Each structure stands twice: as C-alpha cells, then as structure tokens.
Amino acid sequence: GLVHTGGSLRLSCVASGGTFSSYIMAWFRQAPGNEREFVAIINRSG
C-alpha cells in the first residue's frame, strides 16, 4: 500500500500446492528500472 515516510506495513505471502514447512522462503523487491534485489530469507524452521 501507500504509506508516509516512517510508517509501517506488514506483507504476507500464502503458499498453496505444496509442503510449506519444507520450503526456504525469501523476499525480494524491484523498483521500476532497477534490478530485483534480495531483502530477507528465512529457513524451514524459522
């Protein structure tokens, strides 16, 4: 969404069609004209 500088947001990602606990999950981001970049990663157990 849209937020002012200093604000907060919580993103969610729901997986279906597999065994979620077996997956290593990550977040990436991409601004227009920029390369997609790594943000964060979490292993199977957290």
PDB file of all heavy atoms in Angstrom:
ATOM      1  N   GLY A   1       0.810  -1.194   0.000  1.00  0.00           N
ATOM      2  CA  GLY A   1       0.000   0.000   0.000  1.00  0.00           C
ATOM      3  C   GLY A   1       0.843   1.242   0.000  1.00  0.00           C
ATOM      4  O   GLY A   1       2.054   1.199  -0.241  1.00  0.00           O
ATOM      5  N   LEU A   2       0.195   2.364   0.268  1.00  0.00           N
ATOM      6  CA  LEU A   2       0.827   3.678   0.314  1.00  0.00           C
ATOM      7  C   LEU A   2       0.973   4.116   1.761  1.00  0.00           C
ATOM      8  O   LEU A   2       0.003   4.091   2.521  1.00  0.00           O
ATOM      9  CB  LEU A   2      -0.014   4.691  -0.465  1.00  0.00           C
ATOM     10  CG  LEU A   2       0.427   6.147  -0.433  1.00  0.00           C
ATOM     11  CD1 LEU A   2       1.793   6.299  -1.093  1.00  0.00           C
ATOM     12  CD2 LEU A   2      -0.605   7.017  -1.128  1.00  0.00           C
ATOM     13  N   VAL A   3       2.177   4.528   2.127  1.00  0.00           N
ATOM     14  CA  VAL A   3       2.449   4.935   3.496  1.00  0.00           C
ATOM     15  C   VAL A   3       3.425   6.101   3.499  1.00  0.00           C
ATOM     16  O   VAL A   3       4.227   6.254   2.573  1.00  0.00           O
ATOM     17  CB  VAL A   3       3.001   3.744   4.317  1.00  0.00           C
ATOM     18  CG1 VAL A   3       4.374   3.324   3.797  1.00  0.00           C
ATOM     19  CG2 VAL A   3       3.036   4.044   5.794  1.00  0.00           C
ATOM     20  N   HIS A   4       3.347   6.948   4.521  1.00  0.00           N
ATOM     21  CA  HIS A   4       4.282   8.056   4.665  1.00  0.00           C
ATOM     22  C   HIS A   4       5.627   7.568   5.186  1.00  0.00           C
ATOM     23  O   HIS A   4       5.731   6.512   5.817  1.00  0.00           O
ATOM     24  CB  HIS A   4       3.733   9.103   5.633  1.00  0.00           C
ATOM     25  CG  HIS A   4       2.499   9.794   5.159  1.00  0.00           C
ATOM     26  ND1 HIS A   4       2.484  10.593   4.041  1.00  0.00           N
ATOM     27  CD2 HIS A   4       1.236   9.801   5.662  1.00  0.00           C
ATOM     28  CE1 HIS A   4       1.271  11.072   3.872  1.00  0.00           C
ATOM     29  NE2 HIS A   4       0.496  10.608   4.834  1.00  0.00           N
ATOM     30  N   THR A   5       6.654   8.357   4.928  1.00  0.00           N
ATOM     31  CA  THR A   5       7.962   8.083   5.494  1.00  0.00           C
ATOM     32  C   THR A   5       7.859   7.879   7.005  1.00  0.00           C
ATOM     33  O   THR A   5       7.210   8.645   7.703  1.00  0.00           O
ATOM     34  CB  THR A   5       8.929   9.223   5.183  1.00  0.00           C
ATOM     35  OG1 THR A   5       9.099   9.341   3.772  1.00  0.00           O
ATOM     36  CG2 THR A   5      10.282   8.995   5.838  1.00  0.00           C
ATOM     37  N   GLY A   6       8.495   6.820   7.487  1.00  0.00           N
ATOM     38  CA  GLY A   6       8.445   6.487   8.899  1.00  0.00           C
ATOM     39  C   GLY A   6       7.338   5.535   9.285  1.00  0.00           C
ATOM     40  O   GLY A   6       7.314   5.050  10.420  1.00  0.00           O
ATOM     41  N   GLY A   7       6.441   5.248   8.370  1.00  0.00           N
ATOM     42  CA  GLY A   7       5.328   4.366   8.644  1.00  0.00           C
ATOM     43  C   GLY A   7       5.698   2.904   8.553  1.00  0.00           C
ATOM     44  O   GLY A   7       6.850   2.538   8.319  1.00  0.00           O
ATOM     45  N   SER A   8       4.680   2.053   8.717  1.00  0.00           N
ATOM     46  CA  SER A   8       4.875   0.608   8.744  1.00  0.00           C
ATOM     47  C   SER A   8       3.864  -0.101   7.862  1.00  0.00           C
ATOM     48  O   SER A   8       2.745   0.378   7.665  1.00  0.00           O
ATOM     49  CB  SER A   8       4.731   0.069  10.170  1.00  0.00           C
ATOM     50  OG  SER A   8       5.704   0.608  11.039  1.00  0.00           O
ATOM     51  N   LEU A   9       4.270  -1.235   7.338  1.00  0.00           N
ATOM     52  CA  LEU A   9       3.400  -2.142   6.612  1.00  0.00           C
ATOM     53  C   LEU A   9       3.799  -3.566   6.949  1.00  0.00           C
ATOM     54  O   LEU A   9       4.964  -3.832   7.257  1.00  0.00           O
ATOM     55  CB  LEU A   9       3.498  -1.947   5.102  1.00  0.00           C
ATOM     56  CG  LEU A   9       2.857  -0.712   4.487  1.00  0.00           C
ATOM     57  CD1 LEU A   9       3.264  -0.600   3.019  1.00  0.00           C
ATOM     58  CD2 LEU A   9       1.337  -0.770   4.611  1.00  0.00           C
ATOM     59  N   ARG A  10       2.843  -4.466   6.860  1.00  0.00           N
ATOM     60  CA  ARG A  10       3.102  -5.885   7.051  1.00  0.00           C
ATOM     61  C   ARG A  10       2.665  -6.640   5.805  1.00  0.00           C
ATOM     62  O   ARG A  10       1.478  -6.657   5.470  1.00  0.00           O
ATOM     63  CB  ARG A  10       2.350  -6.419   8.262  1.00  0.00           C
ATOM     64  CG  ARG A  10       2.712  -7.859   8.641  1.00  0.00           C
ATOM     65  CD  ARG A  10       1.655  -8.441   9.550  1.00  0.00           C
ATOM     66  NE  ARG A  10       2.074  -9.669  10.206  1.00  0.00           N
ATOM     67  CZ  ARG A  10       1.228 -10.586  10.691  1.00  0.00           C
ATOM     68  NH1 ARG A  10      -0.080 -10.399  10.601  1.00  0.00           N
ATOM     69  NH2 ARG A  10       1.707 -11.665  11.281  1.00  0.00           N
ATOM     70  N   LEU A  11       3.612  -7.261   5.130  1.00  0.00           N
ATOM     71  CA  LEU A  11       3.328  -8.057   3.953  1.00  0.00           C
ATOM     72  C   LEU A  11       3.133  -9.516   4.338  1.00  0.00           C
ATOM     73  O   LEU A  11       3.774 -10.021   5.262  1.00  0.00           O
ATOM     74  CB  LEU A  11       4.465  -7.959   2.943  1.00  0.00           C
ATOM     75  CG  LEU A  11       4.901  -6.555   2.527  1.00  0.00           C
ATOM     76  CD1 LEU A  11       5.967  -6.647   1.439  1.00  0.00           C
ATOM     77  CD2 LEU A  11       3.717  -5.729   2.054  1.00  0.00           C
ATOM     78  N   SER A  12       2.262 -10.185   3.611  1.00  0.00           N
ATOM     79  CA  SER A  12       2.028 -11.611   3.794  1.00  0.00           C
ATOM     80  C   SER A  12       2.179 -12.327   2.468  1.00  0.00           C
ATOM     81  O   SER A  12       1.909 -11.759   1.409  1.00  0.00           O
ATOM     82  CB  SER A  12       0.623 -11.874   4.342  1.00  0.00           C
ATOM     83  OG  SER A  12       0.427 -11.271   5.596  1.00  0.00           O
ATOM     84  N   CYS A  13       2.601 -13.564   2.528  1.00  0.00           N
ATOM     85  CA  CYS A  13       2.693 -14.414   1.352  1.00  0.00           C
ATOM     86  C   CYS A  13       2.183 -15.791   1.729  1.00  0.00           C
ATOM     87  O   CYS A  13       2.760 -16.448   2.605  1.00  0.00           O
ATOM     88  CB  CYS A  13       4.132 -14.489   0.848  1.00  0.00           C
ATOM     89  SG  CYS A  13       4.393 -15.649  -0.513  1.00  0.00           S
ATOM     90  N   VAL A  14       1.114 -16.217   1.086  1.00  0.00           N
ATOM     91  CA  VAL A  14       0.494 -17.507   1.362  1.00  0.00           C
ATOM     92  C   VAL A  14       0.856 -18.485   0.256  1.00  0.00           C
ATOM     93  O   VAL A  14       0.716 -18.173  -0.933  1.00  0.00           O
ATOM     94  CB  VAL A  14      -1.034 -17.377   1.475  1.00  0.00           C
ATOM     95  CG1 VAL A  14      -1.656 -18.741   1.747  1.00  0.00           C
ATOM     96  CG2 VAL A  14      -1.409 -16.397   2.576  1.00  0.00           C
ATOM     97  N   ALA A  15       1.308 -19.660   0.647  1.00  0.00           N
ATOM     98  CA  ALA A  15       1.686 -20.711  -0.290  1.00  0.00           C
ATOM     99  C   ALA A  15       0.625 -21.796  -0.322  1.00  0.00           C
ATOM    100  O   ALA A  15       0.053 -22.155   0.709  1.00  0.00           O
ATOM    101  CB  ALA A  15       3.031 -21.314   0.092  1.00  0.00           C
ATOM    102  N   SER A  16       0.384 -22.328  -1.497  1.00  0.00           N
ATOM    103  CA  SER A  16      -0.533 -23.446  -1.649  1.00  0.00           C
ATOM    104  C   SER A  16       0.020 -24.418  -2.675  1.00  0.00           C
ATOM    105  O   SER A  16       0.812 -24.048  -3.540  1.00  0.00           O
ATOM    106  CB  SER A  16      -1.931 -22.976  -2.062  1.00  0.00           C
ATOM    107  OG  SER A  16      -1.894 -22.302  -3.309  1.00  0.00           O
ATOM    108  N   GLY A  17      -0.399 -25.667  -2.568  1.00  0.00           N
ATOM    109  CA  GLY A  17       0.005 -26.669  -3.543  1.00  0.00           C
ATOM    110  C   GLY A  17       1.278 -27.433  -3.208  1.00  0.00           C
ATOM    111  O   GLY A  17       1.789 -28.161  -4.056  1.00  0.00           O
ATOM    112  N   GLY A  18       1.786 -27.273  -2.004  1.00  0.00           N
ATOM    113  CA  GLY A  18       2.997 -27.971  -1.600  1.00  0.00           C
ATOM    114  C   GLY A  18       3.086 -28.093  -0.092  1.00  0.00           C
ATOM    115  O   GLY A  18       2.133 -27.800   0.623  1.00  0.00           O
ATOM    116  N   THR A  19       4.245 -28.528   0.357  1.00  0.00           N
ATOM    117  CA  THR A  19       4.503 -28.685   1.786  1.00  0.00           C
ATOM    118  C   THR A  19       5.301 -27.478   2.261  1.00  0.00           C
ATOM    119  O   THR A  19       6.522 -27.420   2.091  1.00  0.00           O
ATOM    120  CB  THR A  19       5.260 -29.984   2.062  1.00  0.00           C
ATOM    121  OG1 THR A  19       4.532 -31.092   1.537  1.00  0.00           O
ATOM    122  CG2 THR A  19       5.449 -30.175   3.565  1.00  0.00           C
ATOM    123  N   PHE A  20       4.619 -26.527   2.870  1.00  0.00           N
ATOM    124  CA  PHE A  20       5.224 -25.242   3.188  1.00  0.00           C
ATOM    125  C   PHE A  20       6.424 -25.380   4.120  1.00  0.00           C
ATOM    126  O   PHE A  20       7.426 -24.678   3.955  1.00  0.00           O
ATOM    127  CB  PHE A  20       4.172 -24.318   3.800  1.00  0.00           C
ATOM    128  CG  PHE A  20       4.676 -22.943   4.086  1.00  0.00           C
ATOM    129  CD1 PHE A  20       4.865 -22.034   3.063  1.00  0.00           C
ATOM    130  CD2 PHE A  20       4.968 -22.554   5.387  1.00  0.00           C
ATOM    131  CE1 PHE A  20       5.327 -20.766   3.316  1.00  0.00           C
ATOM    132  CE2 PHE A  20       5.430 -21.281   5.652  1.00  0.00           C
ATOM    133  CZ  PHE A  20       5.608 -20.387   4.616  1.00  0.00           C
ATOM    134  N   SER A  21       6.331 -26.272   5.088  1.00  0.00           N
ATOM    135  CA  SER A  21       7.402 -26.398   6.071  1.00  0.00           C
ATOM    136  C   SER A  21       8.707 -26.905   5.463  1.00  0.00           C
ATOM    137  O   SER A  21       9.754 -26.804   6.107  1.00  0.00           O
ATOM    138  CB  SER A  21       6.976 -27.322   7.212  1.00  0.00           C
ATOM    139  OG  SER A  21       6.686 -28.624   6.735  1.00  0.00           O
ATOM    140  N   SER A  22       8.667 -27.427   4.253  1.00  0.00           N
ATOM    141  CA  SER A  22       9.876 -27.886   3.583  1.00  0.00           C
ATOM    142  C   SER A  22      10.556 -26.792   2.759  1.00  0.00           C
ATOM    143  O   SER A  22      11.633 -27.025   2.206  1.00  0.00           O
ATOM    144  CB  SER A  22       9.571 -29.082   2.681  1.00  0.00           C
ATOM    145  OG  SER A  22       8.824 -28.695   1.541  1.00  0.00           O
ATOM    146  N   TYR A  23       9.950 -25.614   2.680  1.00  0.00           N
ATOM    147  CA  TYR A  23      10.453 -24.557   1.815  1.00  0.00           C
ATOM    148  C   TYR A  23      11.262 -23.518   2.585  1.00  0.00           C
ATOM    149  O   TYR A  23      10.867 -23.096   3.667  1.00  0.00           O
ATOM    150  CB  TYR A  23       9.313 -23.825   1.114  1.00  0.00           C
ATOM    151  CG  TYR A  23       8.394 -24.712   0.310  1.00  0.00           C
ATOM    152  CD1 TYR A  23       7.030 -24.449   0.272  1.00  0.00           C
ATOM    153  CD2 TYR A  23       8.874 -25.793  -0.406  1.00  0.00           C
ATOM    154  CE1 TYR A  23       6.176 -25.247  -0.468  1.00  0.00           C
ATOM    155  CE2 TYR A  23       8.024 -26.600  -1.135  1.00  0.00           C
ATOM    156  CZ  TYR A  23       6.673 -26.320  -1.171  1.00  0.00           C
ATOM    157  OH  TYR A  23       5.827 -27.120  -1.901  1.00  0.00           O
ATOM    158  N   ILE A  24      12.366 -23.124   1.996  1.00  0.00           N
ATOM    159  CA  ILE A  24      13.075 -21.927   2.413  1.00  0.00           C
ATOM    160  C   ILE A  24      12.396 -20.751   1.713  1.00  0.00           C
ATOM    161  O   ILE A  24      12.208 -20.775   0.498  1.00  0.00           O
ATOM    162  CB  ILE A  24      14.563 -22.025   2.040  1.00  0.00           C
ATOM    163  CG1 ILE A  24      15.189 -23.230   2.743  1.00  0.00           C
ATOM    164  CG2 ILE A  24      15.294 -20.737   2.372  1.00  0.00           C
ATOM    165  CD1 ILE A  24      16.456 -23.731   2.099  1.00  0.00           C
ATOM    166  N   MET A  25      12.033 -19.732   2.466  1.00  0.00           N
ATOM    167  CA  MET A  25      11.259 -18.616   1.926  1.00  0.00           C
ATOM    168  C   MET A  25      12.059 -17.324   1.964  1.00  0.00           C
ATOM    169  O   MET A  25      12.826 -17.084   2.898  1.00  0.00           O
ATOM    170  CB  MET A  25       9.964 -18.432   2.714  1.00  0.00           C
ATOM    171  CG  MET A  25       9.051 -19.646   2.710  1.00  0.00           C
ATOM    172  SD  MET A  25       8.455 -20.086   1.051  1.00  0.00           S
ATOM    173  CE  MET A  25       7.573 -18.587   0.593  1.00  0.00           C
ATOM    174  N   ALA A  26      11.839 -16.483   0.968  1.00  0.00           N
ATOM    175  CA  ALA A  26      12.570 -15.230   0.880  1.00  0.00           C
ATOM    176  C   ALA A  26      11.688 -14.130   0.316  1.00  0.00           C
ATOM    177  O   ALA A  26      10.668 -14.385  -0.332  1.00  0.00           O
ATOM    178  CB  ALA A  26      13.814 -15.389   0.007  1.00  0.00           C
ATOM    179  N   TRP A  27      12.097 -12.894   0.576  1.00  0.00           N
ATOM    180  CA  TRP A  27      11.500 -11.710  -0.017  1.00  0.00           C
ATOM    181  C   TRP A  27      12.538 -10.991  -0.874  1.00  0.00           C
ATOM    182  O   TRP A  27      13.698 -10.831  -0.458  1.00  0.00           O
ATOM    183  CB  TRP A  27      10.986 -10.736   1.052  1.00  0.00           C
ATOM    184  CG  TRP A  27       9.768 -11.211   1.777  1.00  0.00           C
ATOM    185  CD1 TRP A  27       9.726 -11.881   2.954  1.00  0.00           C
ATOM    186  CD2 TRP A  27       8.408 -11.021   1.368  1.00  0.00           C
ATOM    187  NE1 TRP A  27       8.429 -12.137   3.318  1.00  0.00           N
ATOM    188  CE2 TRP A  27       7.590 -11.615   2.357  1.00  0.00           C
ATOM    189  CE3 TRP A  27       7.795 -10.414   0.273  1.00  0.00           C
ATOM    190  CZ2 TRP A  27       6.198 -11.619   2.280  1.00  0.00           C
ATOM    191  CZ3 TRP A  27       6.406 -10.419   0.195  1.00  0.00           C
ATOM    192  CH2 TRP A  27       5.629 -11.016   1.186  1.00  0.00           C
ATOM    193  N   PHE A  28      12.113 -10.563  -2.050  1.00  0.00           N
ATOM    194  CA  PHE A  28      12.881  -9.709  -2.941  1.00  0.00           C
ATOM    195  C   PHE A  28      12.046  -8.478  -3.266  1.00  0.00           C
ATOM    196  O   PHE A  28      10.839  -8.461  -3.041  1.00  0.00           O
ATOM    197  CB  PHE A  28      13.238 -10.446  -4.238  1.00  0.00           C
ATOM    198  CG  PHE A  28      14.186 -11.595  -4.066  1.00  0.00           C
ATOM    199  CD1 PHE A  28      13.757 -12.815  -3.576  1.00  0.00           C
ATOM    200  CD2 PHE A  28      15.523 -11.459  -4.416  1.00  0.00           C
ATOM    201  CE1 PHE A  28      14.622 -13.883  -3.426  1.00  0.00           C
ATOM    202  CE2 PHE A  28      16.407 -12.524  -4.276  1.00  0.00           C
ATOM    203  CZ  PHE A  28      15.952 -13.729  -3.775  1.00  0.00           C
ATOM    204  N   ARG A  29      12.696  -7.461  -3.824  1.00  0.00           N
ATOM    205  CA  ARG A  29      11.951  -6.283  -4.242  1.00  0.00           C
ATOM    206  C   ARG A  29      12.563  -5.707  -5.513  1.00  0.00           C
ATOM    207  O   ARG A  29      13.746  -5.899  -5.797  1.00  0.00           O
ATOM    208  CB  ARG A  29      11.904  -5.216  -3.147  1.00  0.00           C
ATOM    209  CG  ARG A  29      13.243  -4.593  -2.813  1.00  0.00           C
ATOM    210  CD  ARG A  29      13.102  -3.660  -1.608  1.00  0.00           C
ATOM    211  NE  ARG A  29      14.351  -2.990  -1.289  1.00  0.00           N
ATOM    212  CZ  ARG A  29      14.525  -2.212  -0.238  1.00  0.00           C
ATOM    213  NH1 ARG A  29      13.522  -2.003   0.621  1.00  0.00           N
ATOM    214  NH2 ARG A  29      15.702  -1.629  -0.020  1.00  0.00           N
ATOM    215  N   GLN A  30      11.734  -4.976  -6.259  1.00  0.00           N
ATOM    216  CA  GLN A  30      12.181  -4.388  -7.509  1.00  0.00           C
ATOM    217  C   GLN A  30      11.467  -3.068  -7.745  1.00  0.00           C
ATOM    218  O   GLN A  30      10.242  -3.025  -7.810  1.00  0.00           O
ATOM    219  CB  GLN A  30      11.923  -5.335  -8.675  1.00  0.00           C
ATOM    220  CG  GLN A  30      12.498  -4.860  -9.989  1.00  0.00           C
ATOM    221  CD  GLN A  30      12.445  -5.934 -11.052  1.00  0.00           C
ATOM    222  OE1 GLN A  30      11.609  -6.840 -10.992  1.00  0.00           O
ATOM    223  NE2 GLN A  30      13.338  -5.856 -12.019  1.00  0.00           N
ATOM    224  N   ALA A  31      12.243  -2.008  -7.877  1.00  0.00           N
ATOM    225  CA  ALA A  31      11.720  -0.699  -8.246  1.00  0.00           C
ATOM    226  C   ALA A  31      11.783  -0.554  -9.765  1.00  0.00           C
ATOM    227  O   ALA A  31      12.616  -1.194 -10.420  1.00  0.00           O
ATOM    228  CB  ALA A  31      12.528   0.405  -7.577  1.00  0.00           C
ATOM    229  N   PRO A  32      10.926   0.280 -10.351  1.00  0.00           N
ATOM    230  CA  PRO A  32      10.935   0.451 -11.808  1.00  0.00           C
ATOM    231  C   PRO A  32      12.312   0.842 -12.333  1.00  0.00           C
ATOM    232  O   PRO A  32      12.951   1.752 -11.816  1.00  0.00           O
ATOM    233  CB  PRO A  32       9.924   1.570 -12.039  1.00  0.00           C
ATOM    234  CG  PRO A  32       8.988   1.470 -10.882  1.00  0.00           C
ATOM    235  CD  PRO A  32       9.853   1.061  -9.715  1.00  0.00           C
ATOM    236  N   GLY A  33      12.774   0.122 -13.346  1.00  0.00           N
ATOM    237  CA  GLY A  33      14.066   0.390 -13.941  1.00  0.00           C
ATOM    238  C   GLY A  33      15.249  -0.173 -13.186  1.00  0.00           C
ATOM    239  O   GLY A  33      16.384  -0.050 -13.659  1.00  0.00           O
ATOM    240  N   ASN A  34      15.014  -0.780 -12.035  1.00  0.00           N
ATOM    241  CA  ASN A  34      16.090  -1.326 -11.219  1.00  0.00           C
ATOM    242  C   ASN A  34      16.107  -2.845 -11.275  1.00  0.00           C
ATOM    243  O   ASN A  34      15.135  -3.486 -11.674  1.00  0.00           O
ATOM    244  CB  ASN A  34      15.946  -0.884  -9.764  1.00  0.00           C
ATOM    245  CG  ASN A  34      16.190   0.594  -9.564  1.00  0.00           C
ATOM    246  OD1 ASN A  34      16.563   1.303 -10.502  1.00  0.00           O
ATOM    247  ND2 ASN A  34      15.970   1.066  -8.350  1.00  0.00           N
ATOM    248  N   GLU A  35      17.219  -3.413 -10.857  1.00  0.00           N
ATOM    249  CA  GLU A  35      17.324  -4.854 -10.741  1.00  0.00           C
ATOM    250  C   GLU A  35      16.542  -5.332  -9.527  1.00  0.00           C
ATOM    251  O   GLU A  35      16.386  -4.618  -8.538  1.00  0.00           O
ATOM    252  CB  GLU A  35      18.785  -5.274 -10.586  1.00  0.00           C
ATOM    253  CG  GLU A  35      19.658  -4.948 -11.778  1.00  0.00           C
ATOM    254  CD  GLU A  35      21.093  -5.400 -11.590  1.00  0.00           C
ATOM    255  OE1 GLU A  35      21.437  -5.842 -10.473  1.00  0.00           O
ATOM    256  OE2 GLU A  35      21.867  -5.322 -12.542  1.00  0.00           O
ATOM    257  N   ARG A  36      16.040  -6.547  -9.615  1.00  0.00           N
ATOM    258  CA  ARG A  36      15.419  -7.158  -8.459  1.00  0.00           C
ATOM    259  C   ARG A  36      16.490  -7.466  -7.423  1.00  0.00           C
ATOM    260  O   ARG A  36      17.544  -8.021  -7.751  1.00  0.00           O
ATOM    261  CB  ARG A  36      14.677  -8.430  -8.857  1.00  0.00           C
ATOM    262  CG  ARG A  36      13.788  -8.985  -7.762  1.00  0.00           C
ATOM    263  CD  ARG A  36      12.864 -10.071  -8.285  1.00  0.00           C
ATOM    264  NE  ARG A  36      11.968  -9.564  -9.309  1.00  0.00           N
ATOM    265  CZ  ARG A  36      10.972 -10.261  -9.835  1.00  0.00           C
ATOM    266  NH1 ARG A  36      10.737 -11.500  -9.429  1.00  0.00           N
ATOM    267  NH2 ARG A  36      10.208  -9.721 -10.777  1.00  0.00           N
ATOM    268  N   GLU A  37      16.227  -7.105  -6.167  1.00  0.00           N
ATOM    269  CA  GLU A  37      17.227  -7.261  -5.132  1.00  0.00           C
ATOM    270  C   GLU A  37      16.693  -8.064  -3.950  1.00  0.00           C
ATOM    271  O   GLU A  37      15.518  -8.018  -3.611  1.00  0.00           O
ATOM    272  CB  GLU A  37      17.734  -5.898  -4.642  1.00  0.00           C
ATOM    273  CG  GLU A  37      16.685  -5.052  -3.960  1.00  0.00           C
ATOM    274  CD  GLU A  37      17.250  -3.746  -3.416  1.00  0.00           C
ATOM    275  OE1 GLU A  37      18.484  -3.566  -3.426  1.00  0.00           O
ATOM    276  OE2 GLU A  37      16.442  -2.899  -2.976  1.00  0.00           O
ATOM    277  N   PHE A  38      17.607  -8.763  -3.326  1.00  0.00           N
ATOM    278  CA  PHE A  38      17.314  -9.560  -2.151  1.00  0.00           C
ATOM    279  C   PHE A  38      16.957  -8.672  -0.967  1.00  0.00           C
ATOM    280  O   PHE A  38      17.560  -7.621  -0.758  1.00  0.00           O
ATOM    281  CB  PHE A  38      18.540 -10.412  -1.806  1.00  0.00           C
ATOM    282  CG  PHE A  38      18.474 -11.075  -0.467  1.00  0.00           C
ATOM    283  CD1 PHE A  38      17.762 -12.248  -0.294  1.00  0.00           C
ATOM    284  CD2 PHE A  38      19.124 -10.529   0.616  1.00  0.00           C
ATOM    285  CE1 PHE A  38      17.702 -12.868   0.938  1.00  0.00           C
ATOM    286  CE2 PHE A  38      19.076 -11.137   1.854  1.00  0.00           C
ATOM    287  CZ  PHE A  38      18.357 -12.311   2.010  1.00  0.00           C
ATOM    288  N   VAL A  39      15.980  -9.113  -0.177  1.00  0.00           N
ATOM    289  CA  VAL A  39      15.565  -8.392   1.021  1.00  0.00           C
ATOM    290  C   VAL A  39      15.805  -9.215   2.282  1.00  0.00           C
ATOM    291  O   VAL A  39      16.467  -8.765   3.215  1.00  0.00           O
ATOM    292  CB  VAL A  39      14.092  -7.975   0.946  1.00  0.00           C
ATOM    293  CG1 VAL A  39      13.646  -7.322   2.252  1.00  0.00           C
ATOM    294  CG2 VAL A  39      13.862  -7.025  -0.226  1.00  0.00           C
ATOM    295  N   ALA A  40      15.257 -10.431   2.326  1.00  0.00           N
ATOM    296  CA  ALA A  40      15.345 -11.239   3.538  1.00  0.00           C
ATOM    297  C   ALA A  40      15.058 -12.694   3.210  1.00  0.00           C
ATOM    298  O   ALA A  40      14.366 -12.993   2.233  1.00  0.00           O
ATOM    299  CB  ALA A  40      14.363 -10.745   4.600  1.00  0.00           C
ATOM    300  N   ILE A  41      15.559 -13.596   4.041  1.00  0.00           N
ATOM    301  CA  ILE A  41      15.334 -15.024   3.856  1.00  0.00           C
ATOM    302  C   ILE A  41      15.182 -15.682   5.213  1.00  0.00           C
ATOM    303  O   ILE A  41      15.771 -15.233   6.205  1.00  0.00           O
ATOM    304  CB  ILE A  41      16.482 -15.667   3.038  1.00  0.00           C
ATOM    305  CG1 ILE A  41      16.150 -17.111   2.652  1.00  0.00           C
ATOM    306  CG2 ILE A  41      17.805 -15.571   3.785  1.00  0.00           C
ATOM    307  CD1 ILE A  41      17.100 -17.685   1.600  1.00  0.00           C
ATOM    308  N   ILE A  42      14.405 -16.751   5.257  1.00  0.00           N
ATOM    309  CA  ILE A  42      14.166 -17.494   6.481  1.00  0.00           C
ATOM    310  C   ILE A  42      14.157 -18.980   6.152  1.00  0.00           C
ATOM    311  O   ILE A  42      13.587 -19.401   5.145  1.00  0.00           O
ATOM    312  CB  ILE A  42      12.846 -17.032   7.152  1.00  0.00           C
ATOM    313  CG1 ILE A  42      12.650 -17.695   8.510  1.00  0.00           C
ATOM    314  CG2 ILE A  42      11.650 -17.294   6.232  1.00  0.00           C
ATOM    315  CD1 ILE A  42      11.537 -17.023   9.322  1.00  0.00           C
ATOM    316  N   ASN A  43      14.793 -19.773   7.000  1.00  0.00           N
ATOM    317  CA  ASN A  43      14.884 -21.194   6.721  1.00  0.00           C
ATOM    318  C   ASN A  43      13.600 -21.913   7.116  1.00  0.00           C
ATOM    319  O   ASN A  43      12.621 -21.307   7.538  1.00  0.00           O
ATOM    320  CB  ASN A  43      16.122 -21.808   7.388  1.00  0.00           C
ATOM    321  CG  ASN A  43      15.975 -21.998   8.891  1.00  0.00           C
ATOM    322  OD1 ASN A  43      15.104 -21.416   9.519  1.00  0.00           O
ATOM    323  ND2 ASN A  43      16.829 -22.841   9.459  1.00  0.00           N
ATOM    324  N   ARG A  44      13.612 -23.234   6.979  1.00  0.00           N
ATOM    325  CA  ARG A  44      12.391 -24.021   7.141  1.00  0.00           C
ATOM    326  C   ARG A  44      11.763 -23.893   8.518  1.00  0.00           C
ATOM    327  O   ARG A  44      10.537 -23.787   8.643  1.00  0.00           O
ATOM    328  CB  ARG A  44      12.670 -25.494   6.835  1.00  0.00           C
ATOM    329  CG  ARG A  44      13.100 -25.763   5.410  1.00  0.00           C
ATOM    330  CD  ARG A  44      13.450 -27.231   5.214  1.00  0.00           C
ATOM    331  NE  ARG A  44      13.849 -27.516   3.838  1.00  0.00           N
ATOM    332  CZ  ARG A  44      15.097 -27.471   3.414  1.00  0.00           C
ATOM    333  NH1 ARG A  44      16.087 -27.175   4.241  1.00  0.00           N
ATOM    334  NH2 ARG A  44      15.364 -27.744   2.135  1.00  0.00           N
ATOM    335  N   SER A  45      12.580 -23.900   9.537  1.00  0.00           N
ATOM    336  CA  SER A  45      12.081 -23.838  10.904  1.00  0.00           C
ATOM    337  C   SER A  45      11.910 -22.415  11.418  1.00  0.00           C
ATOM    338  O   SER A  45      11.268 -22.214  12.458  1.00  0.00           O
ATOM    339  CB  SER A  45      13.028 -24.592  11.832  1.00  0.00           C
ATOM    340  OG  SER A  45      14.268 -23.916  11.932  1.00  0.00           O
ATOM    341  N   GLY A  46      12.479 -21.442  10.728  1.00  0.00           N
ATOM    342  CA  GLY A  46      12.479 -20.072  11.202  1.00  0.00           C
ATOM    343  C   GLY A  46      13.656 -19.725  12.085  1.00  0.00           C
ATOM    344  O   GLY A  46      13.759 -18.589  12.550  1.00  0.00           O
TER     345      GLY A  46
END
